[in-house]
């Protein structure tokens, strides 16, 4: 499991002062980028130099408990599934007491940079993903 901590910022909240539901995806993507970097795959190197790209093809989330500005949360990322051409990541968002305040799920396809068609997940990426199953 990959763990990441953040503090909720004002621009991530709505007019009522609570975390805007869509901000869960922004936070999830920040965690995803940190996860990839820890595995040796920076977003900039993927976008500029790799033979593959990893677009998100499905996303869903649930929001259970309100979170406000300055609240500290922990995000736990876990790889749920790896198939030949895609992988699924789960995110649990926990407050300071360890209570789940929300979760998200993203499905990432691996496509060839040149022709934009699906391709097999590179072996080094599979190895990195398997460490977090």
N, C-alpha and C. Protein backbone atom coordinates (compact mmCIF):
# COMPACT_ATOMS: atom_id res chain seq x y z
N UNK A 1 0.85 -1.18 0.00
CA UNK A 1 0.00 0.00 0.00
C UNK A 1 0.90 1.25 0.00
N UNK A 2 0.54 2.19 -0.84
CA UNK A 2 1.25 3.47 -0.90
C UNK A 2 0.44 4.48 -0.10
N UNK A 3 1.09 5.21 0.79
CA UNK A 3 0.42 6.17 1.66
C UNK A 3 0.93 7.57 1.39
N UNK A 4 0.01 8.53 1.41
CA UNK A 4 0.33 9.93 1.10
C UNK A 4 -0.51 10.81 2.00
N UNK A 5 0.08 11.84 2.56
CA UNK A 5 -0.66 12.74 3.45
C UNK A 5 -0.76 14.14 2.84
N UNK A 6 -1.92 14.76 3.04
CA UNK A 6 -2.13 16.12 2.55
C UNK A 6 -2.94 16.92 3.57
N UNK A 7 -2.91 18.22 3.38
CA UNK A 7 -3.75 19.14 4.14
C UNK A 7 -4.72 19.78 3.15
N UNK A 8 -6.00 19.80 3.49
CA UNK A 8 -7.01 20.37 2.59
C UNK A 8 -6.80 21.88 2.49
N UNK A 9 -6.76 22.35 1.26
CA UNK A 9 -6.56 23.78 0.99
C UNK A 9 -7.90 24.44 0.67
N UNK A 10 -7.95 25.75 0.85
CA UNK A 10 -9.19 26.48 0.65
C UNK A 10 -9.75 26.30 -0.77
N UNK A 11 -8.87 26.30 -1.77
CA UNK A 11 -9.36 26.18 -3.15
C UNK A 11 -9.93 24.80 -3.46
N UNK A 12 -9.80 23.85 -2.53
CA UNK A 12 -10.37 22.52 -2.72
C UNK A 12 -11.76 22.39 -2.09
N UNK A 13 -12.26 23.48 -1.52
CA UNK A 13 -13.55 23.44 -0.84
C UNK A 13 -14.62 24.17 -1.65
N UNK A 14 -15.87 23.90 -1.27
CA UNK A 14 -17.00 24.56 -1.93
C UNK A 14 -17.46 25.76 -1.11
N UNK A 15 -18.57 26.37 -1.51
CA UNK A 15 -19.08 27.57 -0.84
C UNK A 15 -19.47 27.31 0.61
N UNK A 16 -19.76 26.06 0.97
CA UNK A 16 -20.11 25.72 2.35
C UNK A 16 -18.87 25.48 3.21
N UNK A 17 -17.69 25.49 2.57
CA UNK A 17 -16.45 25.29 3.32
C UNK A 17 -16.01 23.85 3.44
N UNK A 18 -16.70 22.94 2.73
CA UNK A 18 -16.34 21.53 2.76
C UNK A 18 -15.60 21.14 1.49
N UNK A 19 -14.82 20.07 1.59
CA UNK A 19 -14.10 19.56 0.43
C UNK A 19 -15.08 19.35 -0.72
N UNK A 20 -14.83 19.99 -1.84
CA UNK A 20 -15.66 19.84 -3.04
C UNK A 20 -15.51 18.41 -3.54
N UNK A 21 -16.64 17.75 -3.86
CA UNK A 21 -16.58 16.33 -4.22
C UNK A 21 -15.61 16.06 -5.36
N UNK A 22 -15.55 16.95 -6.34
CA UNK A 22 -14.65 16.75 -7.47
C UNK A 22 -13.19 16.84 -7.09
N UNK A 23 -12.91 17.50 -5.97
CA UNK A 23 -11.52 17.62 -5.52
C UNK A 23 -10.93 16.27 -5.11
N UNK A 24 -11.81 15.31 -4.79
CA UNK A 24 -11.29 13.97 -4.49
C UNK A 24 -10.49 13.43 -5.66
N UNK A 25 -10.95 13.69 -6.89
CA UNK A 25 -10.22 13.20 -8.07
C UNK A 25 -8.89 13.94 -8.24
N UNK A 26 -8.89 15.24 -7.95
CA UNK A 26 -7.64 15.99 -8.05
C UNK A 26 -6.63 15.45 -7.05
N UNK A 27 -7.09 15.23 -5.83
CA UNK A 27 -6.20 14.68 -4.80
C UNK A 27 -5.75 13.27 -5.20
N UNK A 28 -6.69 12.45 -5.67
CA UNK A 28 -6.33 11.09 -6.10
C UNK A 28 -5.27 11.14 -7.19
N UNK A 29 -5.40 12.07 -8.12
CA UNK A 29 -4.40 12.14 -9.19
C UNK A 29 -3.05 12.61 -8.66
N UNK A 30 -3.04 13.52 -7.70
CA UNK A 30 -1.77 13.92 -7.07
C UNK A 30 -1.10 12.72 -6.41
N UNK A 31 -1.90 11.90 -5.74
CA UNK A 31 -1.37 10.70 -5.09
C UNK A 31 -0.86 9.72 -6.14
N UNK A 32 -1.61 9.57 -7.22
CA UNK A 32 -1.21 8.68 -8.32
C UNK A 32 0.14 9.11 -8.90
N UNK A 33 0.31 10.40 -9.11
CA UNK A 33 1.59 10.90 -9.63
C UNK A 33 2.74 10.62 -8.66
N UNK A 34 2.50 10.83 -7.36
CA UNK A 34 3.54 10.54 -6.36
C UNK A 34 3.85 9.04 -6.33
N UNK A 35 2.82 8.23 -6.47
CA UNK A 35 2.98 6.77 -6.51
C UNK A 35 3.84 6.37 -7.71
N UNK A 36 3.50 6.89 -8.89
CA UNK A 36 4.28 6.56 -10.09
C UNK A 36 5.73 6.98 -9.93
N UNK A 37 5.93 8.18 -9.38
CA UNK A 37 7.30 8.67 -9.19
C UNK A 37 8.07 7.76 -8.23
N UNK A 38 7.42 7.30 -7.17
CA UNK A 38 8.09 6.40 -6.22
C UNK A 38 8.48 5.08 -6.89
N UNK A 39 7.74 4.73 -7.94
CA UNK A 39 8.01 3.49 -8.68
C UNK A 39 8.97 3.71 -9.84
N UNK A 40 9.46 4.95 -10.00
CA UNK A 40 10.43 5.23 -11.06
C UNK A 40 9.82 5.69 -12.37
N UNK A 41 8.55 6.06 -12.37
CA UNK A 41 7.87 6.51 -13.58
C UNK A 41 7.31 7.91 -13.34
N UNK A 42 8.06 8.94 -13.71
CA UNK A 42 7.52 10.29 -13.54
C UNK A 42 6.56 10.59 -14.69
N UNK A 43 5.57 11.40 -14.40
CA UNK A 43 4.60 11.78 -15.43
C UNK A 43 5.31 12.46 -16.60
N UNK A 44 6.25 13.34 -16.31
CA UNK A 44 6.94 14.03 -17.40
C UNK A 44 7.73 13.06 -18.27
N UNK A 45 8.37 12.06 -17.68
CA UNK A 45 9.12 11.10 -18.51
C UNK A 45 8.17 10.23 -19.33
N UNK A 46 7.01 9.90 -18.76
CA UNK A 46 6.03 9.12 -19.54
C UNK A 46 5.53 9.96 -20.71
N UNK A 47 5.17 11.22 -20.44
CA UNK A 47 4.61 12.07 -21.49
C UNK A 47 5.63 12.43 -22.56
N UNK A 48 6.90 12.54 -22.20
CA UNK A 48 7.92 12.98 -23.16
C UNK A 48 8.71 11.86 -23.81
N UNK A 49 8.95 10.77 -23.06
CA UNK A 49 9.95 9.81 -23.53
C UNK A 49 9.48 8.36 -23.69
N UNK A 50 8.37 7.99 -23.13
CA UNK A 50 8.02 6.57 -23.15
C UNK A 50 7.31 6.20 -24.45
N UNK A 51 7.26 4.90 -24.70
CA UNK A 51 6.54 4.40 -25.87
C UNK A 51 5.05 4.26 -25.59
N UNK A 52 4.66 4.46 -24.33
CA UNK A 52 3.27 4.28 -23.95
C UNK A 52 2.73 5.50 -23.20
N UNK A 53 1.41 5.57 -23.15
CA UNK A 53 0.69 6.55 -22.34
C UNK A 53 -0.30 5.79 -21.47
N UNK A 54 -0.78 6.43 -20.39
CA UNK A 54 -1.65 5.73 -19.45
C UNK A 54 -2.89 6.58 -19.15
N UNK A 55 -3.80 6.73 -20.09
CA UNK A 55 -5.00 7.54 -19.81
C UNK A 55 -5.95 6.83 -18.84
N UNK A 56 -6.66 7.65 -18.08
CA UNK A 56 -7.71 7.12 -17.22
C UNK A 56 -8.95 6.92 -18.09
N UNK A 57 -9.51 5.71 -18.05
CA UNK A 57 -10.68 5.39 -18.88
C UNK A 57 -11.95 5.24 -18.06
N UNK A 58 -11.81 5.22 -16.74
CA UNK A 58 -12.98 5.16 -15.86
C UNK A 58 -12.58 5.70 -14.49
N UNK A 59 -13.50 6.44 -13.87
CA UNK A 59 -13.26 6.95 -12.51
C UNK A 59 -14.59 7.01 -11.76
N UNK A 60 -14.53 6.70 -10.47
CA UNK A 60 -15.70 6.81 -9.62
C UNK A 60 -15.24 7.15 -8.21
N UNK A 61 -16.13 7.76 -7.44
CA UNK A 61 -15.77 8.09 -6.06
C UNK A 61 -17.00 8.13 -5.16
N UNK A 62 -16.73 8.04 -3.88
CA UNK A 62 -17.75 8.18 -2.84
C UNK A 62 -17.21 9.13 -1.79
N UNK A 63 -18.09 9.92 -1.25
CA UNK A 63 -17.72 10.91 -0.26
C UNK A 63 -18.64 10.69 0.94
N UNK A 64 -18.08 10.30 2.08
CA UNK A 64 -18.88 9.89 3.24
C UNK A 64 -18.96 10.91 4.36
N UNK A 65 -17.87 11.60 4.62
CA UNK A 65 -17.79 12.50 5.78
C UNK A 65 -17.24 13.85 5.32
N UNK A 66 -17.88 14.95 5.71
CA UNK A 66 -17.37 16.27 5.31
C UNK A 66 -15.95 16.52 5.83
N UNK A 67 -15.17 17.20 5.01
CA UNK A 67 -13.80 17.58 5.35
C UNK A 67 -13.68 19.07 5.07
N UNK A 68 -12.96 19.78 5.93
CA UNK A 68 -12.87 21.24 5.81
C UNK A 68 -11.43 21.70 5.61
N UNK A 69 -11.30 22.99 5.35
CA UNK A 69 -9.98 23.62 5.18
C UNK A 69 -9.10 23.29 6.39
N UNK A 70 -7.85 22.99 6.12
CA UNK A 70 -6.81 22.69 7.10
C UNK A 70 -6.90 21.29 7.71
N UNK A 71 -7.95 20.53 7.38
CA UNK A 71 -7.98 19.14 7.85
C UNK A 71 -6.86 18.37 7.18
N UNK A 72 -6.25 17.51 7.94
CA UNK A 72 -5.19 16.66 7.40
C UNK A 72 -5.80 15.30 7.08
N UNK A 73 -5.52 14.82 5.89
CA UNK A 73 -6.02 13.50 5.51
C UNK A 73 -4.88 12.64 5.01
N UNK A 74 -5.09 11.35 5.12
CA UNK A 74 -4.15 10.37 4.61
C UNK A 74 -4.85 9.63 3.47
N UNK A 75 -4.14 9.45 2.38
CA UNK A 75 -4.68 8.70 1.25
C UNK A 75 -3.89 7.40 1.13
N UNK A 76 -4.61 6.30 1.10
CA UNK A 76 -3.99 4.99 0.92
C UNK A 76 -4.31 4.49 -0.47
N UNK A 77 -3.29 4.26 -1.27
CA UNK A 77 -3.44 3.78 -2.63
C UNK A 77 -3.09 2.31 -2.68
N UNK A 78 -3.94 1.54 -3.37
CA UNK A 78 -3.69 0.12 -3.54
C UNK A 78 -4.07 -0.27 -4.96
N UNK A 79 -3.23 -1.09 -5.59
CA UNK A 79 -3.55 -1.60 -6.91
C UNK A 79 -4.53 -2.76 -6.72
N UNK A 80 -5.70 -2.63 -7.33
CA UNK A 80 -6.74 -3.65 -7.17
C UNK A 80 -6.59 -4.76 -8.20
N UNK A 81 -6.32 -4.39 -9.44
CA UNK A 81 -6.34 -5.36 -10.52
C UNK A 81 -5.33 -4.95 -11.60
N UNK A 82 -4.68 -5.94 -12.17
CA UNK A 82 -3.80 -5.72 -13.32
C UNK A 82 -4.20 -6.73 -14.39
N UNK A 83 -4.56 -6.21 -15.56
CA UNK A 83 -4.87 -7.11 -16.67
C UNK A 83 -3.81 -6.91 -17.75
N UNK A 84 -4.02 -7.46 -18.90
CA UNK A 84 -3.02 -7.39 -19.97
C UNK A 84 -2.80 -5.95 -20.46
N UNK A 85 -3.88 -5.15 -20.51
CA UNK A 85 -3.82 -3.81 -21.09
C UNK A 85 -4.21 -2.68 -20.15
N UNK A 86 -4.61 -3.00 -18.93
CA UNK A 86 -5.08 -1.95 -18.02
C UNK A 86 -4.84 -2.36 -16.57
N UNK A 87 -5.00 -1.38 -15.68
CA UNK A 87 -4.91 -1.65 -14.25
C UNK A 87 -5.86 -0.73 -13.51
N UNK A 88 -6.27 -1.18 -12.32
CA UNK A 88 -7.23 -0.45 -11.50
C UNK A 88 -6.58 -0.09 -10.18
N UNK A 89 -6.80 1.16 -9.77
CA UNK A 89 -6.24 1.65 -8.51
C UNK A 89 -7.38 2.09 -7.61
N UNK A 90 -7.29 1.71 -6.33
CA UNK A 90 -8.24 2.13 -5.31
C UNK A 90 -7.57 3.13 -4.38
N UNK A 91 -8.33 4.12 -3.96
CA UNK A 91 -7.85 5.14 -3.04
C UNK A 91 -8.81 5.22 -1.86
N UNK A 92 -8.29 5.13 -0.64
CA UNK A 92 -9.09 5.39 0.55
C UNK A 92 -8.58 6.68 1.16
N UNK A 93 -9.52 7.58 1.48
CA UNK A 93 -9.20 8.87 2.09
C UNK A 93 -9.60 8.79 3.56
N UNK A 94 -8.64 9.00 4.47
CA UNK A 94 -8.91 8.86 5.90
C UNK A 94 -8.65 10.18 6.62
N UNK A 95 -9.50 10.48 7.61
CA UNK A 95 -9.26 11.68 8.41
C UNK A 95 -8.21 11.37 9.49
N UNK A 96 -7.93 12.34 10.34
CA UNK A 96 -6.88 12.18 11.35
C UNK A 96 -7.19 11.09 12.37
N UNK A 97 -8.46 10.73 12.52
CA UNK A 97 -8.83 9.66 13.44
C UNK A 97 -8.82 8.30 12.76
N UNK A 98 -8.47 8.27 11.48
CA UNK A 98 -8.42 7.01 10.75
C UNK A 98 -9.74 6.57 10.15
N UNK A 99 -10.74 7.45 10.21
CA UNK A 99 -12.06 7.13 9.64
C UNK A 99 -12.06 7.42 8.15
N UNK A 100 -12.62 6.49 7.37
CA UNK A 100 -12.69 6.70 5.92
C UNK A 100 -13.69 7.82 5.62
N UNK A 101 -13.21 8.87 4.97
CA UNK A 101 -14.08 9.99 4.61
C UNK A 101 -14.53 9.91 3.16
N UNK A 102 -13.88 9.05 2.38
CA UNK A 102 -14.24 8.86 0.98
C UNK A 102 -13.32 7.85 0.34
N UNK A 103 -13.67 7.48 -0.87
CA UNK A 103 -12.79 6.60 -1.64
C UNK A 103 -12.97 6.89 -3.12
N UNK A 104 -12.04 6.41 -3.89
CA UNK A 104 -12.09 6.59 -5.34
C UNK A 104 -11.49 5.36 -6.01
N UNK A 105 -11.82 5.24 -7.26
CA UNK A 105 -11.32 4.13 -8.07
C UNK A 105 -11.03 4.68 -9.46
N UNK A 106 -9.87 4.36 -9.99
CA UNK A 106 -9.53 4.78 -11.35
C UNK A 106 -9.03 3.57 -12.14
N UNK A 107 -9.44 3.51 -13.39
CA UNK A 107 -8.98 2.46 -14.30
C UNK A 107 -8.12 3.12 -15.36
N UNK A 108 -6.92 2.59 -15.55
CA UNK A 108 -5.94 3.17 -16.45
C UNK A 108 -5.64 2.19 -17.58
N UNK A 109 -5.82 2.63 -18.81
CA UNK A 109 -5.47 1.82 -19.97
C UNK A 109 -4.05 2.18 -20.39
N UNK A 110 -3.36 1.22 -20.96
CA UNK A 110 -2.03 1.47 -21.49
C UNK A 110 -2.15 1.45 -23.01
N UNK A 111 -1.75 2.58 -23.62
CA UNK A 111 -1.86 2.68 -25.08
C UNK A 111 -0.51 3.04 -25.69
N UNK A 112 -0.35 2.66 -26.93
CA UNK A 112 0.85 2.98 -27.70
C UNK A 112 0.85 4.48 -28.01
N UNK A 113 1.94 5.13 -27.73
CA UNK A 113 2.04 6.58 -27.96
C UNK A 113 1.80 6.94 -29.42
N UNK A 114 2.27 6.15 -30.35
CA UNK A 114 2.19 6.49 -31.77
C UNK A 114 0.80 6.29 -32.36
N UNK A 115 0.24 5.09 -32.17
CA UNK A 115 -1.03 4.78 -32.84
C UNK A 115 -2.25 4.89 -31.92
N UNK A 116 -2.01 5.14 -30.63
CA UNK A 116 -3.08 5.34 -29.64
C UNK A 116 -3.96 4.09 -29.45
N UNK A 117 -3.43 2.93 -29.79
CA UNK A 117 -4.15 1.68 -29.59
C UNK A 117 -3.62 0.98 -28.33
N UNK A 118 -4.48 0.15 -27.74
CA UNK A 118 -4.07 -0.52 -26.52
C UNK A 118 -2.83 -1.38 -26.78
N UNK A 119 -2.03 -1.49 -25.73
CA UNK A 119 -0.84 -2.31 -25.80
C UNK A 119 -0.66 -3.02 -24.46
N UNK A 120 0.16 -4.05 -24.45
CA UNK A 120 0.43 -4.76 -23.21
C UNK A 120 1.17 -3.83 -22.26
N UNK A 121 0.85 -3.96 -20.99
CA UNK A 121 1.53 -3.16 -19.97
C UNK A 121 3.01 -3.58 -19.96
N UNK A 122 3.92 -2.61 -20.04
CA UNK A 122 5.35 -2.96 -19.99
C UNK A 122 5.70 -3.71 -18.70
N UNK A 123 6.63 -4.65 -18.82
CA UNK A 123 6.99 -5.53 -17.71
C UNK A 123 7.48 -4.75 -16.49
N UNK A 124 8.25 -3.68 -16.70
CA UNK A 124 8.76 -2.94 -15.55
C UNK A 124 7.64 -2.21 -14.82
N UNK A 125 6.61 -1.78 -15.55
CA UNK A 125 5.46 -1.15 -14.91
C UNK A 125 4.64 -2.22 -14.16
N UNK A 126 4.46 -3.38 -14.74
CA UNK A 126 3.76 -4.47 -14.04
C UNK A 126 4.46 -4.81 -12.73
N UNK A 127 5.78 -4.90 -12.78
CA UNK A 127 6.54 -5.22 -11.56
C UNK A 127 6.31 -4.18 -10.48
N UNK A 128 6.29 -2.91 -10.87
CA UNK A 128 6.06 -1.84 -9.90
C UNK A 128 4.63 -1.89 -9.36
N UNK A 129 3.66 -2.15 -10.21
CA UNK A 129 2.27 -2.23 -9.78
C UNK A 129 2.04 -3.39 -8.82
N UNK A 130 2.67 -4.52 -9.12
CA UNK A 130 2.50 -5.71 -8.28
C UNK A 130 2.96 -5.50 -6.84
N UNK A 131 3.88 -4.59 -6.62
CA UNK A 131 4.37 -4.31 -5.26
C UNK A 131 3.29 -3.69 -4.39
N UNK A 132 2.23 -3.15 -5.01
CA UNK A 132 1.19 -2.44 -4.27
C UNK A 132 -0.18 -3.12 -4.39
N UNK A 133 -0.19 -4.40 -4.72
CA UNK A 133 -1.45 -5.17 -4.79
C UNK A 133 -1.87 -5.62 -3.42
